[in-house]
Amino acid sequence: QQVEGAEAVVQQCLEISPQQSDLVE
């Protein structure tokens, strides 16, 4: 339930590799 932290990490991951449809979802 650390949603803000999870969002920041997902955003960082998408910045590295934006073509990850699972992460976009």
PDB file of all heavy atoms in Angstrom:
ATOM      1  N   GLN A   1       0.800  -1.227   0.000  1.00  0.00           N
ATOM      2  CA  GLN A   1       0.000   0.000   0.000  1.00  0.00           C
ATOM      3  C   GLN A   1       0.832   1.275   0.000  1.00  0.00           C
ATOM      4  O   GLN A   1       0.398   2.315   0.488  1.00  0.00           O
ATOM      5  CB  GLN A   1      -0.976   0.004   1.198  1.00  0.00           C
ATOM      6  CG  GLN A   1      -1.798  -1.259   1.370  1.00  0.00           C
ATOM      7  CD  GLN A   1      -2.524  -1.694   0.104  1.00  0.00           C
ATOM      8  OE1 GLN A   1      -3.112  -0.890  -0.585  1.00  0.00           O
ATOM      9  NE2 GLN A   1      -2.449  -2.976  -0.212  1.00  0.00           N
ATOM     10  N   GLN A   2       2.045   1.206  -0.539  1.00  0.00           N
ATOM     11  CA  GLN A   2       2.888   2.391  -0.682  1.00  0.00           C
ATOM     12  C   GLN A   2       2.771   2.859  -2.135  1.00  0.00           C
ATOM     13  O   GLN A   2       3.707   2.793  -2.921  1.00  0.00           O
ATOM     14  CB  GLN A   2       4.324   2.065  -0.299  1.00  0.00           C
ATOM     15  CG  GLN A   2       4.460   1.659   1.161  1.00  0.00           C
ATOM     16  CD  GLN A   2       5.879   1.260   1.515  1.00  0.00           C
ATOM     17  OE1 GLN A   2       6.844   1.681   0.895  1.00  0.00           O
ATOM     18  NE2 GLN A   2       6.018   0.432   2.540  1.00  0.00           N
ATOM     19  N   VAL A   3       1.570   3.334  -2.454  1.00  0.00           N
ATOM     20  CA  VAL A   3       1.187   3.606  -3.836  1.00  0.00           C
ATOM     21  C   VAL A   3       2.013   4.735  -4.455  1.00  0.00           C
ATOM     22  O   VAL A   3       2.433   4.639  -5.611  1.00  0.00           O
ATOM     23  CB  VAL A   3      -0.327   3.902  -3.914  1.00  0.00           C
ATOM     24  CG1 VAL A   3      -0.772   4.134  -5.342  1.00  0.00           C
ATOM     25  CG2 VAL A   3      -1.117   2.751  -3.305  1.00  0.00           C
ATOM     26  N   GLU A   4       2.266   5.783  -3.706  1.00  0.00           N
ATOM     27  CA  GLU A   4       3.062   6.883  -4.255  1.00  0.00           C
ATOM     28  C   GLU A   4       4.473   6.431  -4.608  1.00  0.00           C
ATOM     29  O   GLU A   4       5.000   6.780  -5.665  1.00  0.00           O
ATOM     30  CB  GLU A   4       3.119   8.059  -3.275  1.00  0.00           C
ATOM     31  CG  GLU A   4       1.867   8.900  -3.276  1.00  0.00           C
ATOM     32  CD  GLU A   4       2.024  10.145  -2.409  1.00  0.00           C
ATOM     33  OE1 GLU A   4       3.104  10.767  -2.428  1.00  0.00           O
ATOM     34  OE2 GLU A   4       1.042  10.488  -1.730  1.00  0.00           O
ATOM     35  N   GLY A   5       5.075   5.672  -3.720  1.00  0.00           N
ATOM     36  CA  GLY A   5       6.416   5.149  -4.000  1.00  0.00           C
ATOM     37  C   GLY A   5       6.416   4.216  -5.195  1.00  0.00           C
ATOM     38  O   GLY A   5       7.309   4.268  -6.041  1.00  0.00           O
ATOM     39  N   ALA A   6       5.386   3.377  -5.286  1.00  0.00           N
ATOM     40  CA  ALA A   6       5.272   2.460  -6.424  1.00  0.00           C
ATOM     41  C   ALA A   6       5.119   3.247  -7.722  1.00  0.00           C
ATOM     42  O   ALA A   6       5.736   2.909  -8.734  1.00  0.00           O
ATOM     43  CB  ALA A   6       4.094   1.517  -6.229  1.00  0.00           C
ATOM     44  N   GLU A   7       4.322   4.290  -7.687  1.00  0.00           N
ATOM     45  CA  GLU A   7       4.136   5.120  -8.886  1.00  0.00           C
ATOM     46  C   GLU A   7       5.461   5.729  -9.337  1.00  0.00           C
ATOM     47  O   GLU A   7       5.791   5.727 -10.529  1.00  0.00           O
ATOM     48  CB  GLU A   7       3.128   6.238  -8.622  1.00  0.00           C
ATOM     49  CG  GLU A   7       2.958   7.156  -9.818  1.00  0.00           C
ATOM     50  CD  GLU A   7       2.215   8.455  -9.502  1.00  0.00           C
ATOM     51  OE1 GLU A   7       1.680   8.609  -8.386  1.00  0.00           O
ATOM     52  OE2 GLU A   7       2.199   9.324 -10.393  1.00  0.00           O
ATOM     53  N   ALA A   8       6.227   6.248  -8.396  1.00  0.00           N
ATOM     54  CA  ALA A   8       7.515   6.862  -8.742  1.00  0.00           C
ATOM     55  C   ALA A   8       8.464   5.843  -9.382  1.00  0.00           C
ATOM     56  O   ALA A   8       9.166   6.153 -10.354  1.00  0.00           O
ATOM     57  CB  ALA A   8       8.155   7.479  -7.495  1.00  0.00           C
ATOM     58  N   VAL A   9       8.463   4.623  -8.864  1.00  0.00           N
ATOM     59  CA  VAL A   9       9.345   3.581  -9.406  1.00  0.00           C
ATOM     60  C   VAL A   9       8.873   3.155 -10.794  1.00  0.00           C
ATOM     61  O   VAL A   9       9.684   2.979 -11.708  1.00  0.00           O
ATOM     62  CB  VAL A   9       9.432   2.375  -8.440  1.00  0.00           C
ATOM     63  CG1 VAL A   9      10.196   1.235  -9.066  1.00  0.00           C
ATOM     64  CG2 VAL A   9      10.093   2.798  -7.132  1.00  0.00           C
ATOM     65  N   VAL A  10       7.564   3.012 -10.975  1.00  0.00           N
ATOM     66  CA  VAL A  10       7.032   2.650 -12.288  1.00  0.00           C
ATOM     67  C   VAL A  10       7.368   3.744 -13.301  1.00  0.00           C
ATOM     68  O   VAL A  10       7.768   3.456 -14.437  1.00  0.00           O
ATOM     69  CB  VAL A  10       5.512   2.391 -12.223  1.00  0.00           C
ATOM     70  CG1 VAL A  10       4.906   2.307 -13.611  1.00  0.00           C
ATOM     71  CG2 VAL A  10       5.230   1.104 -11.455  1.00  0.00           C
ATOM     72  N   GLN A  11       7.239   4.984 -12.882  1.00  0.00           N
ATOM     73  CA  GLN A  11       7.570   6.098 -13.781  1.00  0.00           C
ATOM     74  C   GLN A  11       9.049   6.063 -14.164  1.00  0.00           C
ATOM     75  O   GLN A  11       9.407   6.250 -15.323  1.00  0.00           O
ATOM     76  CB  GLN A  11       7.227   7.431 -13.109  1.00  0.00           C
ATOM     77  CG  GLN A  11       7.365   8.613 -14.034  1.00  0.00           C
ATOM     78  CD  GLN A  11       6.817   9.893 -13.412  1.00  0.00           C
ATOM     79  OE1 GLN A  11       6.535   9.951 -12.211  1.00  0.00           O
ATOM     80  NE2 GLN A  11       6.670  10.911 -14.221  1.00  0.00           N
ATOM     81  N   GLN A  12       9.916   5.776 -13.196  1.00  0.00           N
ATOM     82  CA  GLN A  12      11.347   5.662 -13.470  1.00  0.00           C
ATOM     83  C   GLN A  12      11.612   4.533 -14.473  1.00  0.00           C
ATOM     84  O   GLN A  12      12.400   4.687 -15.405  1.00  0.00           O
ATOM     85  CB  GLN A  12      12.100   5.392 -12.160  1.00  0.00           C
ATOM     86  CG  GLN A  12      13.601   5.292 -12.307  1.00  0.00           C
ATOM     87  CD  GLN A  12      14.289   4.979 -10.980  1.00  0.00           C
ATOM     88  OE1 GLN A  12      13.656   4.819  -9.935  1.00  0.00           O
ATOM     89  NE2 GLN A  12      15.596   4.862 -11.018  1.00  0.00           N
ATOM     90  N   CYS A  13      10.927   3.427 -14.300  1.00  0.00           N
ATOM     91  CA  CYS A  13      11.089   2.289 -15.195  1.00  0.00           C
ATOM     92  C   CYS A  13      10.614   2.633 -16.608  1.00  0.00           C
ATOM     93  O   CYS A  13      11.247   2.271 -17.600  1.00  0.00           O
ATOM     94  CB  CYS A  13      10.315   1.097 -14.638  1.00  0.00           C
ATOM     95  SG  CYS A  13      10.737  -0.481 -15.389  1.00  0.00           S
ATOM     96  N   LEU A  14       9.502   3.363 -16.694  1.00  0.00           N
ATOM     97  CA  LEU A  14       8.988   3.760 -18.007  1.00  0.00           C
ATOM     98  C   LEU A  14       9.897   4.775 -18.690  1.00  0.00           C
ATOM     99  O   LEU A  14       9.971   4.811 -19.919  1.00  0.00           O
ATOM    100  CB  LEU A  14       7.568   4.323 -17.868  1.00  0.00           C
ATOM    101  CG  LEU A  14       6.482   3.274 -17.629  1.00  0.00           C
ATOM    102  CD1 LEU A  14       5.162   3.940 -17.260  1.00  0.00           C
ATOM    103  CD2 LEU A  14       6.324   2.379 -18.848  1.00  0.00           C
ATOM    104  N   GLU A  15      10.593   5.587 -17.910  1.00  0.00           N
ATOM    105  CA  GLU A  15      11.550   6.530 -18.498  1.00  0.00           C
ATOM    106  C   GLU A  15      12.720   5.787 -19.136  1.00  0.00           C
ATOM    107  O   GLU A  15      13.269   6.221 -20.133  1.00  0.00           O
ATOM    108  CB  GLU A  15      12.037   7.520 -17.442  1.00  0.00           C
ATOM    109  CG  GLU A  15      10.984   8.531 -17.036  1.00  0.00           C
ATOM    110  CD  GLU A  15      11.372   9.377 -15.827  1.00  0.00           C
ATOM    111  OE1 GLU A  15      12.492   9.195 -15.287  1.00  0.00           O
ATOM    112  OE2 GLU A  15      10.540  10.192 -15.405  1.00  0.00           O
ATOM    113  N   ILE A  16      13.078   4.653 -18.561  1.00  0.00           N
ATOM    114  CA  ILE A  16      14.171   3.844 -19.107  1.00  0.00           C
ATOM    115  C   ILE A  16      13.704   3.102 -20.360  1.00  0.00           C
ATOM    116  O   ILE A  16      14.411   3.043 -21.356  1.00  0.00           O
ATOM    117  CB  ILE A  16      14.677   2.832 -18.054  1.00  0.00           C
ATOM    118  CG1 ILE A  16      15.334   3.568 -16.890  1.00  0.00           C
ATOM    119  CG2 ILE A  16      15.647   1.834 -18.676  1.00  0.00           C
ATOM    120  CD1 ILE A  16      15.643   2.692 -15.696  1.00  0.00           C
ATOM    121  N   SER A  17      12.504   2.542 -20.278  1.00  0.00           N
ATOM    122  CA  SER A  17      11.986   1.730 -21.379  1.00  0.00           C
ATOM    123  C   SER A  17      10.478   1.952 -21.502  1.00  0.00           C
ATOM    124  O   SER A  17       9.692   1.247 -20.872  1.00  0.00           O
ATOM    125  CB  SER A  17      12.299   0.251 -21.113  1.00  0.00           C
ATOM    126  OG  SER A  17      11.827  -0.549 -22.140  1.00  0.00           O
ATOM    127  N   PRO A  18      10.070   2.932 -22.303  1.00  0.00           N
ATOM    128  CA  PRO A  18       8.654   3.315 -22.356  1.00  0.00           C
ATOM    129  C   PRO A  18       7.725   2.329 -23.082  1.00  0.00           C
ATOM    130  O   PRO A  18       6.522   2.474 -23.009  1.00  0.00           O
ATOM    131  CB  PRO A  18       8.674   4.660 -23.075  1.00  0.00           C
ATOM    132  CG  PRO A  18       9.966   4.735 -23.776  1.00  0.00           C
ATOM    133  CD  PRO A  18      10.914   3.820 -23.066  1.00  0.00           C
ATOM    134  N   GLN A  19       8.264   1.330 -23.754  1.00  0.00           N
ATOM    135  CA  GLN A  19       7.424   0.413 -24.520  1.00  0.00           C
ATOM    136  C   GLN A  19       6.886  -0.750 -23.696  1.00  0.00           C
ATOM    137  O   GLN A  19       6.553  -1.791 -24.246  1.00  0.00           O
ATOM    138  CB  GLN A  19       8.197  -0.159 -25.723  1.00  0.00           C
ATOM    139  CG  GLN A  19       8.496   0.842 -26.809  1.00  0.00           C
ATOM    140  CD  GLN A  19       9.689   1.721 -26.467  1.00  0.00           C
ATOM    141  OE1 GLN A  19      10.531   1.365 -25.668  1.00  0.00           O
ATOM    142  NE2 GLN A  19       9.740   2.900 -27.056  1.00  0.00           N
ATOM    143  N   GLN A  20       6.762  -0.612 -22.414  1.00  0.00           N
ATOM    144  CA  GLN A  20       6.311  -1.700 -21.543  1.00  0.00           C
ATOM    145  C   GLN A  20       4.823  -1.527 -21.248  1.00  0.00           C
ATOM    146  O   GLN A  20       4.455  -0.850 -20.292  1.00  0.00           O
ATOM    147  CB  GLN A  20       7.114  -1.712 -20.246  1.00  0.00           C
ATOM    148  CG  GLN A  20       8.619  -1.861 -20.476  1.00  0.00           C
ATOM    149  CD  GLN A  20       9.362  -1.738 -19.186  1.00  0.00           C
ATOM    150  OE1 GLN A  20       9.396  -2.677 -18.400  1.00  0.00           O
ATOM    151  NE2 GLN A  20       9.969  -0.583 -18.957  1.00  0.00           N
ATOM    152  N   SER A  21       3.979  -2.134 -22.064  1.00  0.00           N
ATOM    153  CA  SER A  21       2.538  -1.937 -21.924  1.00  0.00           C
ATOM    154  C   SER A  21       2.020  -2.367 -20.549  1.00  0.00           C
ATOM    155  O   SER A  21       1.108  -1.740 -20.009  1.00  0.00           O
ATOM    156  CB  SER A  21       1.777  -2.660 -23.032  1.00  0.00           C
ATOM    157  OG  SER A  21       2.059  -4.042 -22.998  1.00  0.00           O
ATOM    158  N   ASP A  22       2.609  -3.416 -19.977  1.00  0.00           N
ATOM    159  CA  ASP A  22       2.175  -3.844 -18.646  1.00  0.00           C
ATOM    160  C   ASP A  22       2.429  -2.763 -17.604  1.00  0.00           C
ATOM    161  O   ASP A  22       1.627  -2.540 -16.703  1.00  0.00           O
ATOM    162  CB  ASP A  22       2.854  -5.152 -18.240  1.00  0.00           C
ATOM    163  CG  ASP A  22       4.377  -5.055 -18.184  1.00  0.00           C
ATOM    164  OD1 ASP A  22       4.975  -4.328 -19.011  1.00  0.00           O
ATOM    165  OD2 ASP A  22       4.988  -5.710 -17.316  1.00  0.00           O
ATOM    166  N   LEU A  23       3.544  -2.052 -17.761  1.00  0.00           N
ATOM    167  CA  LEU A  23       3.855  -0.979 -16.809  1.00  0.00           C
ATOM    168  C   LEU A  23       3.000   0.244 -17.040  1.00  0.00           C
ATOM    169  O   LEU A  23       2.662   0.955 -16.088  1.00  0.00           O
ATOM    170  CB  LEU A  23       5.330  -0.589 -16.898  1.00  0.00           C
ATOM    171  CG  LEU A  23       6.276  -1.428 -16.063  1.00  0.00           C
ATOM    172  CD1 LEU A  23       7.694  -0.910 -16.159  1.00  0.00           C
ATOM    173  CD2 LEU A  23       5.851  -1.515 -14.623  1.00  0.00           C
ATOM    174  N   VAL A  24       2.643   0.516 -18.278  1.00  0.00           N
ATOM    175  CA  VAL A  24       1.747   1.644 -18.554  1.00  0.00           C
ATOM    176  C   VAL A  24       0.423   1.397 -17.842  1.00  0.00           C
ATOM    177  O   VAL A  24      -0.118   2.302 -17.175  1.00  0.00           O
ATOM    178  CB  VAL A  24       1.545   1.839 -20.076  1.00  0.00           C
ATOM    179  CG1 VAL A  24       0.461   2.869 -20.351  1.00  0.00           C
ATOM    180  CG2 VAL A  24       2.848   2.250 -20.746  1.00  0.00           C
ATOM    181  N   GLU A  25      -0.089   0.174 -17.942  1.00  0.00           N
ATOM    182  CA  GLU A  25      -1.333  -0.174 -17.254  1.00  0.00           C
ATOM    183  C   GLU A  25      -1.176  -0.044 -15.736  1.00  0.00           C
ATOM    184  O   GLU A  25      -2.065   0.465 -15.051  1.00  0.00           O
ATOM    185  CB  GLU A  25      -1.755  -1.596 -17.615  1.00  0.00           C
ATOM    186  CG  GLU A  25      -2.177  -1.750 -19.057  1.00  0.00           C
ATOM    187  CD  GLU A  25      -2.416  -3.197 -19.446  1.00  0.00           C
ATOM    188  OE1 GLU A  25      -2.528  -4.063 -18.547  1.00  0.00           O
ATOM    189  OE2 GLU A  25      -2.490  -3.455 -20.658  1.00  0.00           O
TER     190      GLU A  25
END
